[in-house]
């Protein structure tokens, strides 16, 4: 876990983001997006929720596409100056936890180091 400071405010993009469990089927739409040099795919989860997923999440075997790991596209809404704890990174985003226990993704470009001299 790494302490990070939010340098630019971020507002969550979706009210009901896509979430899948490892092994659940995914439907890929064929839409792709390159964001900050990373490839994202538009997918539909078994519950009908849609959203962007990292291109290394789908697993294909026997013609079936499934989630290769658990994934949630939940984003954090944070203000500039907020402190967060970075948990993991993928595709230009970091999964973060706030001091009050909220968790979700923040864009790496919105995060900076904690200035220890302040």
N, C-alpha and C. Protein backbone atom coordinates (compact mmCIF):
# COMPACT_ATOMS: atom_id res chain seq x y z
N UNK A 1 0.84 -1.18 0.00
CA UNK A 1 0.00 0.00 0.00
C UNK A 1 0.89 1.24 0.00
N UNK A 2 0.52 2.17 -0.88
CA UNK A 2 1.29 3.38 -1.02
C UNK A 2 0.40 4.59 -0.80
N UNK A 3 0.80 5.49 0.07
CA UNK A 3 0.05 6.73 0.27
C UNK A 3 0.21 7.61 -0.96
N UNK A 4 -0.89 8.14 -1.45
CA UNK A 4 -0.88 9.03 -2.61
C UNK A 4 -1.76 10.24 -2.30
N UNK A 5 -1.48 11.34 -2.97
CA UNK A 5 -2.31 12.54 -2.85
C UNK A 5 -3.03 12.74 -4.18
N UNK A 6 -4.33 13.03 -4.10
CA UNK A 6 -5.10 13.35 -5.30
C UNK A 6 -4.70 14.75 -5.75
N UNK A 7 -4.14 14.86 -6.95
CA UNK A 7 -3.67 16.15 -7.46
C UNK A 7 -4.73 16.86 -8.29
N UNK A 8 -5.64 16.09 -8.88
CA UNK A 8 -6.74 16.63 -9.68
C UNK A 8 -8.00 15.90 -9.27
N UNK A 9 -9.05 16.65 -8.96
CA UNK A 9 -10.32 16.04 -8.55
C UNK A 9 -10.80 15.04 -9.60
N UNK A 10 -11.49 14.01 -9.14
CA UNK A 10 -12.07 13.01 -10.04
C UNK A 10 -13.49 12.70 -9.61
N UNK A 11 -14.37 12.61 -10.59
CA UNK A 11 -15.77 12.25 -10.34
C UNK A 11 -16.04 10.92 -11.04
N UNK A 12 -16.64 9.98 -10.31
CA UNK A 12 -16.96 8.66 -10.87
C UNK A 12 -17.80 8.82 -12.14
N UNK A 13 -17.49 8.01 -13.14
CA UNK A 13 -18.12 8.11 -14.46
C UNK A 13 -19.47 7.41 -14.55
N UNK A 14 -19.68 6.33 -13.78
CA UNK A 14 -20.88 5.51 -13.94
C UNK A 14 -21.56 5.27 -12.59
N UNK A 15 -22.89 5.31 -12.60
CA UNK A 15 -23.66 5.05 -11.39
C UNK A 15 -23.69 3.56 -11.04
N UNK A 16 -23.72 2.71 -12.07
CA UNK A 16 -23.79 1.26 -11.86
C UNK A 16 -22.72 0.59 -12.73
N UNK A 17 -21.46 0.67 -12.28
CA UNK A 17 -20.35 0.14 -13.10
C UNK A 17 -20.38 -1.38 -13.21
N UNK A 18 -19.76 -1.87 -14.26
CA UNK A 18 -19.65 -3.31 -14.48
C UNK A 18 -18.82 -3.96 -13.37
N UNK A 19 -19.27 -5.13 -12.92
CA UNK A 19 -18.54 -5.93 -11.95
C UNK A 19 -18.71 -7.39 -12.34
N UNK A 20 -17.62 -8.16 -12.30
CA UNK A 20 -17.67 -9.58 -12.63
C UNK A 20 -16.79 -10.37 -11.67
N UNK A 21 -17.12 -11.62 -11.52
CA UNK A 21 -16.33 -12.56 -10.73
C UNK A 21 -15.56 -13.46 -11.69
N UNK A 22 -14.42 -13.93 -11.25
CA UNK A 22 -13.61 -14.84 -12.05
C UNK A 22 -14.48 -16.00 -12.52
N UNK A 23 -14.39 -16.31 -13.82
CA UNK A 23 -15.12 -17.42 -14.41
C UNK A 23 -16.49 -17.07 -14.95
N UNK A 24 -17.02 -15.89 -14.60
CA UNK A 24 -18.33 -15.50 -15.13
C UNK A 24 -18.21 -15.16 -16.61
N UNK A 25 -19.25 -15.46 -17.38
CA UNK A 25 -19.21 -15.14 -18.82
C UNK A 25 -19.23 -13.64 -19.06
N UNK A 26 -18.54 -13.23 -20.10
CA UNK A 26 -18.51 -11.84 -20.55
C UNK A 26 -18.93 -11.81 -22.01
N UNK A 27 -19.65 -10.79 -22.39
CA UNK A 27 -19.95 -10.55 -23.79
C UNK A 27 -19.17 -9.32 -24.21
N UNK A 28 -18.31 -9.49 -25.21
CA UNK A 28 -17.52 -8.37 -25.71
C UNK A 28 -18.22 -7.78 -26.92
N UNK A 29 -18.34 -6.44 -26.95
CA UNK A 29 -19.07 -5.76 -28.02
C UNK A 29 -18.23 -5.56 -29.27
N UNK A 30 -16.92 -5.64 -29.13
CA UNK A 30 -16.03 -5.32 -30.25
C UNK A 30 -15.51 -3.89 -30.17
N UNK A 31 -16.10 -3.07 -29.30
CA UNK A 31 -15.61 -1.70 -29.11
C UNK A 31 -14.32 -1.73 -28.31
N UNK A 32 -13.36 -0.92 -28.74
CA UNK A 32 -12.08 -0.79 -28.05
C UNK A 32 -11.79 0.69 -27.86
N UNK A 33 -11.00 0.99 -26.84
CA UNK A 33 -10.62 2.37 -26.56
C UNK A 33 -9.20 2.36 -26.02
N UNK A 34 -8.36 3.23 -26.55
CA UNK A 34 -7.01 3.39 -26.02
C UNK A 34 -7.03 4.63 -25.13
N UNK A 35 -6.74 4.42 -23.86
CA UNK A 35 -6.76 5.49 -22.87
C UNK A 35 -5.40 5.55 -22.21
N UNK A 36 -4.72 6.68 -22.34
CA UNK A 36 -3.38 6.87 -21.79
C UNK A 36 -2.45 5.71 -22.15
N UNK A 37 -2.58 5.22 -23.39
CA UNK A 37 -1.71 4.16 -23.89
C UNK A 37 -2.14 2.74 -23.53
N UNK A 38 -3.28 2.58 -22.89
CA UNK A 38 -3.77 1.27 -22.47
C UNK A 38 -5.05 0.92 -23.22
N UNK A 39 -5.18 -0.35 -23.59
CA UNK A 39 -6.34 -0.83 -24.36
C UNK A 39 -7.44 -1.32 -23.43
N UNK A 40 -8.65 -0.79 -23.65
CA UNK A 40 -9.84 -1.16 -22.89
C UNK A 40 -10.88 -1.73 -23.84
N UNK A 41 -11.68 -2.67 -23.37
CA UNK A 41 -12.71 -3.33 -24.16
C UNK A 41 -14.08 -3.09 -23.53
N UNK A 42 -15.10 -2.87 -24.36
CA UNK A 42 -16.46 -2.69 -23.83
C UNK A 42 -17.07 -4.07 -23.66
N UNK A 43 -17.58 -4.34 -22.46
CA UNK A 43 -18.11 -5.67 -22.14
C UNK A 43 -19.46 -5.56 -21.44
N UNK A 44 -20.19 -6.69 -21.49
CA UNK A 44 -21.46 -6.80 -20.79
C UNK A 44 -21.34 -7.97 -19.82
N UNK A 45 -21.68 -7.72 -18.56
CA UNK A 45 -21.64 -8.75 -17.51
C UNK A 45 -22.94 -9.56 -17.54
N UNK A 46 -22.96 -10.71 -16.85
CA UNK A 46 -24.17 -11.54 -16.82
C UNK A 46 -25.41 -10.80 -16.29
N UNK A 47 -25.21 -9.81 -15.42
CA UNK A 47 -26.36 -9.07 -14.86
C UNK A 47 -26.81 -7.92 -15.77
N UNK A 48 -26.18 -7.79 -16.94
CA UNK A 48 -26.57 -6.76 -17.90
C UNK A 48 -25.83 -5.45 -17.79
N UNK A 49 -25.05 -5.29 -16.72
CA UNK A 49 -24.27 -4.05 -16.61
C UNK A 49 -23.16 -4.05 -17.66
N UNK A 50 -22.91 -2.87 -18.21
CA UNK A 50 -21.91 -2.71 -19.26
C UNK A 50 -20.83 -1.76 -18.80
N UNK A 51 -19.64 -1.87 -19.43
CA UNK A 51 -18.58 -0.94 -19.12
C UNK A 51 -17.26 -1.35 -19.72
N UNK A 52 -16.28 -0.48 -19.53
CA UNK A 52 -14.92 -0.72 -20.00
C UNK A 52 -14.21 -1.66 -19.04
N UNK A 53 -13.50 -2.63 -19.61
CA UNK A 53 -12.68 -3.55 -18.82
C UNK A 53 -11.27 -3.56 -19.41
N UNK A 54 -10.25 -3.82 -18.59
CA UNK A 54 -8.89 -3.91 -19.12
C UNK A 54 -8.79 -5.07 -20.11
N UNK A 55 -7.96 -4.89 -21.14
CA UNK A 55 -7.88 -5.91 -22.19
C UNK A 55 -7.27 -7.24 -21.74
N UNK A 56 -6.69 -7.29 -20.54
CA UNK A 56 -6.13 -8.56 -20.05
C UNK A 56 -7.12 -9.31 -19.14
N UNK A 57 -8.34 -8.79 -18.98
CA UNK A 57 -9.34 -9.45 -18.12
C UNK A 57 -10.04 -10.64 -18.80
N UNK A 58 -10.45 -10.52 -20.07
CA UNK A 58 -11.16 -11.65 -20.70
C UNK A 58 -10.25 -12.85 -20.90
N UNK A 59 -10.83 -14.02 -20.68
CA UNK A 59 -10.15 -15.29 -20.91
C UNK A 59 -11.03 -16.08 -21.88
N UNK A 60 -10.43 -16.56 -22.97
CA UNK A 60 -11.20 -17.31 -23.96
C UNK A 60 -10.74 -18.75 -23.98
N UNK A 61 -11.71 -19.66 -23.86
CA UNK A 61 -11.43 -21.10 -23.94
C UNK A 61 -12.67 -21.78 -24.51
N UNK A 62 -12.46 -22.60 -25.51
CA UNK A 62 -13.57 -23.33 -26.12
C UNK A 62 -14.64 -22.42 -26.69
N UNK A 63 -14.24 -21.26 -27.16
CA UNK A 63 -15.19 -20.31 -27.73
C UNK A 63 -15.96 -19.49 -26.71
N UNK A 64 -15.75 -19.74 -25.43
CA UNK A 64 -16.43 -19.02 -24.35
C UNK A 64 -15.50 -17.95 -23.80
N UNK A 65 -16.01 -16.74 -23.62
CA UNK A 65 -15.25 -15.64 -23.01
C UNK A 65 -15.71 -15.48 -21.57
N UNK A 66 -14.76 -15.56 -20.65
CA UNK A 66 -15.06 -15.41 -19.23
C UNK A 66 -14.10 -14.40 -18.60
N UNK A 67 -14.43 -13.98 -17.40
CA UNK A 67 -13.54 -13.09 -16.64
C UNK A 67 -12.40 -13.91 -16.07
N UNK A 68 -11.17 -13.48 -16.33
CA UNK A 68 -9.99 -14.19 -15.84
C UNK A 68 -9.71 -13.94 -14.36
N UNK A 69 -10.37 -12.94 -13.79
CA UNK A 69 -10.22 -12.60 -12.36
C UNK A 69 -11.43 -11.75 -11.97
N UNK A 70 -11.59 -11.55 -10.67
CA UNK A 70 -12.62 -10.64 -10.20
C UNK A 70 -12.27 -9.23 -10.68
N UNK A 71 -13.29 -8.46 -11.04
CA UNK A 71 -13.05 -7.08 -11.48
C UNK A 71 -14.27 -6.23 -11.18
N UNK A 72 -14.02 -5.04 -10.67
CA UNK A 72 -15.05 -4.04 -10.45
C UNK A 72 -14.57 -2.74 -11.07
N UNK A 73 -15.43 -2.07 -11.82
CA UNK A 73 -15.08 -0.79 -12.43
C UNK A 73 -15.50 0.40 -11.57
N UNK A 74 -15.74 0.17 -10.29
CA UNK A 74 -16.13 1.25 -9.37
C UNK A 74 -15.00 2.28 -9.32
N UNK A 75 -15.38 3.55 -9.50
CA UNK A 75 -14.43 4.65 -9.41
C UNK A 75 -14.70 5.45 -8.14
N UNK A 76 -13.68 6.13 -7.66
CA UNK A 76 -13.81 7.02 -6.50
C UNK A 76 -14.06 8.45 -6.97
N UNK A 77 -14.93 9.13 -6.27
CA UNK A 77 -15.07 10.57 -6.43
C UNK A 77 -14.25 11.20 -5.32
N UNK A 78 -13.23 11.98 -5.70
CA UNK A 78 -12.32 12.58 -4.72
C UNK A 78 -12.01 14.01 -5.12
N UNK A 79 -11.67 14.81 -4.13
CA UNK A 79 -11.26 16.20 -4.35
C UNK A 79 -9.74 16.29 -4.39
N UNK A 80 -9.24 17.30 -5.06
CA UNK A 80 -7.81 17.56 -5.06
C UNK A 80 -7.37 17.77 -3.62
N UNK A 81 -6.25 17.16 -3.25
CA UNK A 81 -5.70 17.27 -1.91
C UNK A 81 -6.04 16.09 -1.03
N UNK A 82 -7.04 15.29 -1.40
CA UNK A 82 -7.39 14.12 -0.61
C UNK A 82 -6.23 13.13 -0.57
N UNK A 83 -6.07 12.44 0.56
CA UNK A 83 -5.07 11.39 0.68
C UNK A 83 -5.76 10.05 0.49
N UNK A 84 -5.11 9.17 -0.26
CA UNK A 84 -5.64 7.83 -0.50
C UNK A 84 -4.51 6.83 -0.35
N UNK A 85 -4.88 5.59 -0.15
CA UNK A 85 -3.92 4.50 -0.08
C UNK A 85 -4.06 3.67 -1.35
N UNK A 86 -3.02 3.64 -2.17
CA UNK A 86 -3.03 2.86 -3.41
C UNK A 86 -2.85 1.38 -3.12
N UNK A 87 -3.76 0.56 -3.65
CA UNK A 87 -3.76 -0.87 -3.38
C UNK A 87 -3.16 -1.69 -4.53
N UNK A 88 -3.58 -1.38 -5.77
CA UNK A 88 -3.09 -2.08 -6.95
C UNK A 88 -3.26 -1.18 -8.17
N UNK A 89 -2.51 -1.47 -9.23
CA UNK A 89 -2.56 -0.67 -10.45
C UNK A 89 -2.83 -1.56 -11.66
N UNK A 90 -3.55 -0.99 -12.63
CA UNK A 90 -3.70 -1.63 -13.93
C UNK A 90 -4.14 -0.60 -14.95
N UNK A 91 -3.57 -0.65 -16.12
CA UNK A 91 -4.03 0.12 -17.28
C UNK A 91 -4.20 1.62 -17.00
N UNK A 92 -3.28 2.20 -16.23
CA UNK A 92 -3.32 3.64 -15.98
C UNK A 92 -4.23 4.07 -14.84
N UNK A 93 -4.70 3.10 -14.05
CA UNK A 93 -5.58 3.38 -12.91
C UNK A 93 -5.03 2.69 -11.67
N UNK A 94 -5.31 3.27 -10.50
CA UNK A 94 -4.92 2.68 -9.22
C UNK A 94 -6.17 2.49 -8.36
N UNK A 95 -6.31 1.26 -7.81
CA UNK A 95 -7.40 0.98 -6.86
C UNK A 95 -6.98 1.60 -5.54
N UNK A 96 -7.81 2.51 -5.01
CA UNK A 96 -7.46 3.27 -3.83
C UNK A 96 -8.50 3.13 -2.73
N UNK A 97 -8.05 3.38 -1.52
CA UNK A 97 -8.92 3.40 -0.34
C UNK A 97 -8.73 4.75 0.35
N UNK A 98 -9.85 5.37 0.71
CA UNK A 98 -9.80 6.64 1.44
C UNK A 98 -9.73 6.36 2.94
N UNK A 99 -9.44 7.38 3.70
CA UNK A 99 -9.35 7.23 5.16
C UNK A 99 -10.69 6.79 5.76
N UNK A 100 -11.81 7.16 5.11
CA UNK A 100 -13.13 6.77 5.63
C UNK A 100 -13.60 5.42 5.08
N UNK A 101 -12.71 4.69 4.35
CA UNK A 101 -13.00 3.34 3.92
C UNK A 101 -13.62 3.17 2.55
N UNK A 102 -13.87 4.27 1.83
CA UNK A 102 -14.38 4.12 0.46
C UNK A 102 -13.27 3.58 -0.43
N UNK A 103 -13.65 2.75 -1.42
CA UNK A 103 -12.67 2.17 -2.33
C UNK A 103 -13.13 2.29 -3.77
N UNK A 104 -12.17 2.39 -4.69
CA UNK A 104 -12.46 2.45 -6.10
C UNK A 104 -11.24 2.89 -6.88
N UNK A 105 -11.41 2.97 -8.19
CA UNK A 105 -10.31 3.32 -9.09
C UNK A 105 -10.18 4.84 -9.22
N UNK A 106 -8.92 5.29 -9.32
CA UNK A 106 -8.60 6.67 -9.67
C UNK A 106 -7.57 6.64 -10.79
N UNK A 107 -7.67 7.57 -11.75
CA UNK A 107 -6.67 7.62 -12.81
C UNK A 107 -5.28 7.95 -12.23
N UNK A 108 -4.27 7.23 -12.69
CA UNK A 108 -2.90 7.50 -12.23
C UNK A 108 -2.51 8.95 -12.46
N UNK A 109 -2.99 9.54 -13.56
CA UNK A 109 -2.62 10.92 -13.88
C UNK A 109 -3.20 11.93 -12.88
N UNK A 110 -4.14 11.50 -12.04
CA UNK A 110 -4.73 12.37 -11.02
C UNK A 110 -4.08 12.18 -9.65
N UNK A 111 -3.05 11.35 -9.58
CA UNK A 111 -2.41 11.02 -8.30
C UNK A 111 -0.96 11.47 -8.30
N UNK A 112 -0.51 11.92 -7.14
CA UNK A 112 0.89 12.30 -6.97
C UNK A 112 1.39 11.78 -5.63
N UNK A 113 2.65 12.00 -5.37
CA UNK A 113 3.22 11.55 -4.09
C UNK A 113 2.72 12.43 -2.95
N UNK A 114 2.82 11.92 -1.74
CA UNK A 114 2.51 12.68 -0.55
C UNK A 114 3.75 13.49 -0.21
N UNK A 115 3.59 14.80 -0.08
CA UNK A 115 4.72 15.67 0.27
C UNK A 115 4.94 15.57 1.77
N UNK A 116 5.99 14.86 2.16
CA UNK A 116 6.28 14.63 3.58
C UNK A 116 6.75 15.90 4.30
N UNK A 117 7.22 16.90 3.55
CA UNK A 117 7.74 18.12 4.17
C UNK A 117 6.63 19.11 4.54
N UNK A 118 5.40 18.84 4.05
CA UNK A 118 4.29 19.78 4.31
C UNK A 118 3.75 19.62 5.70
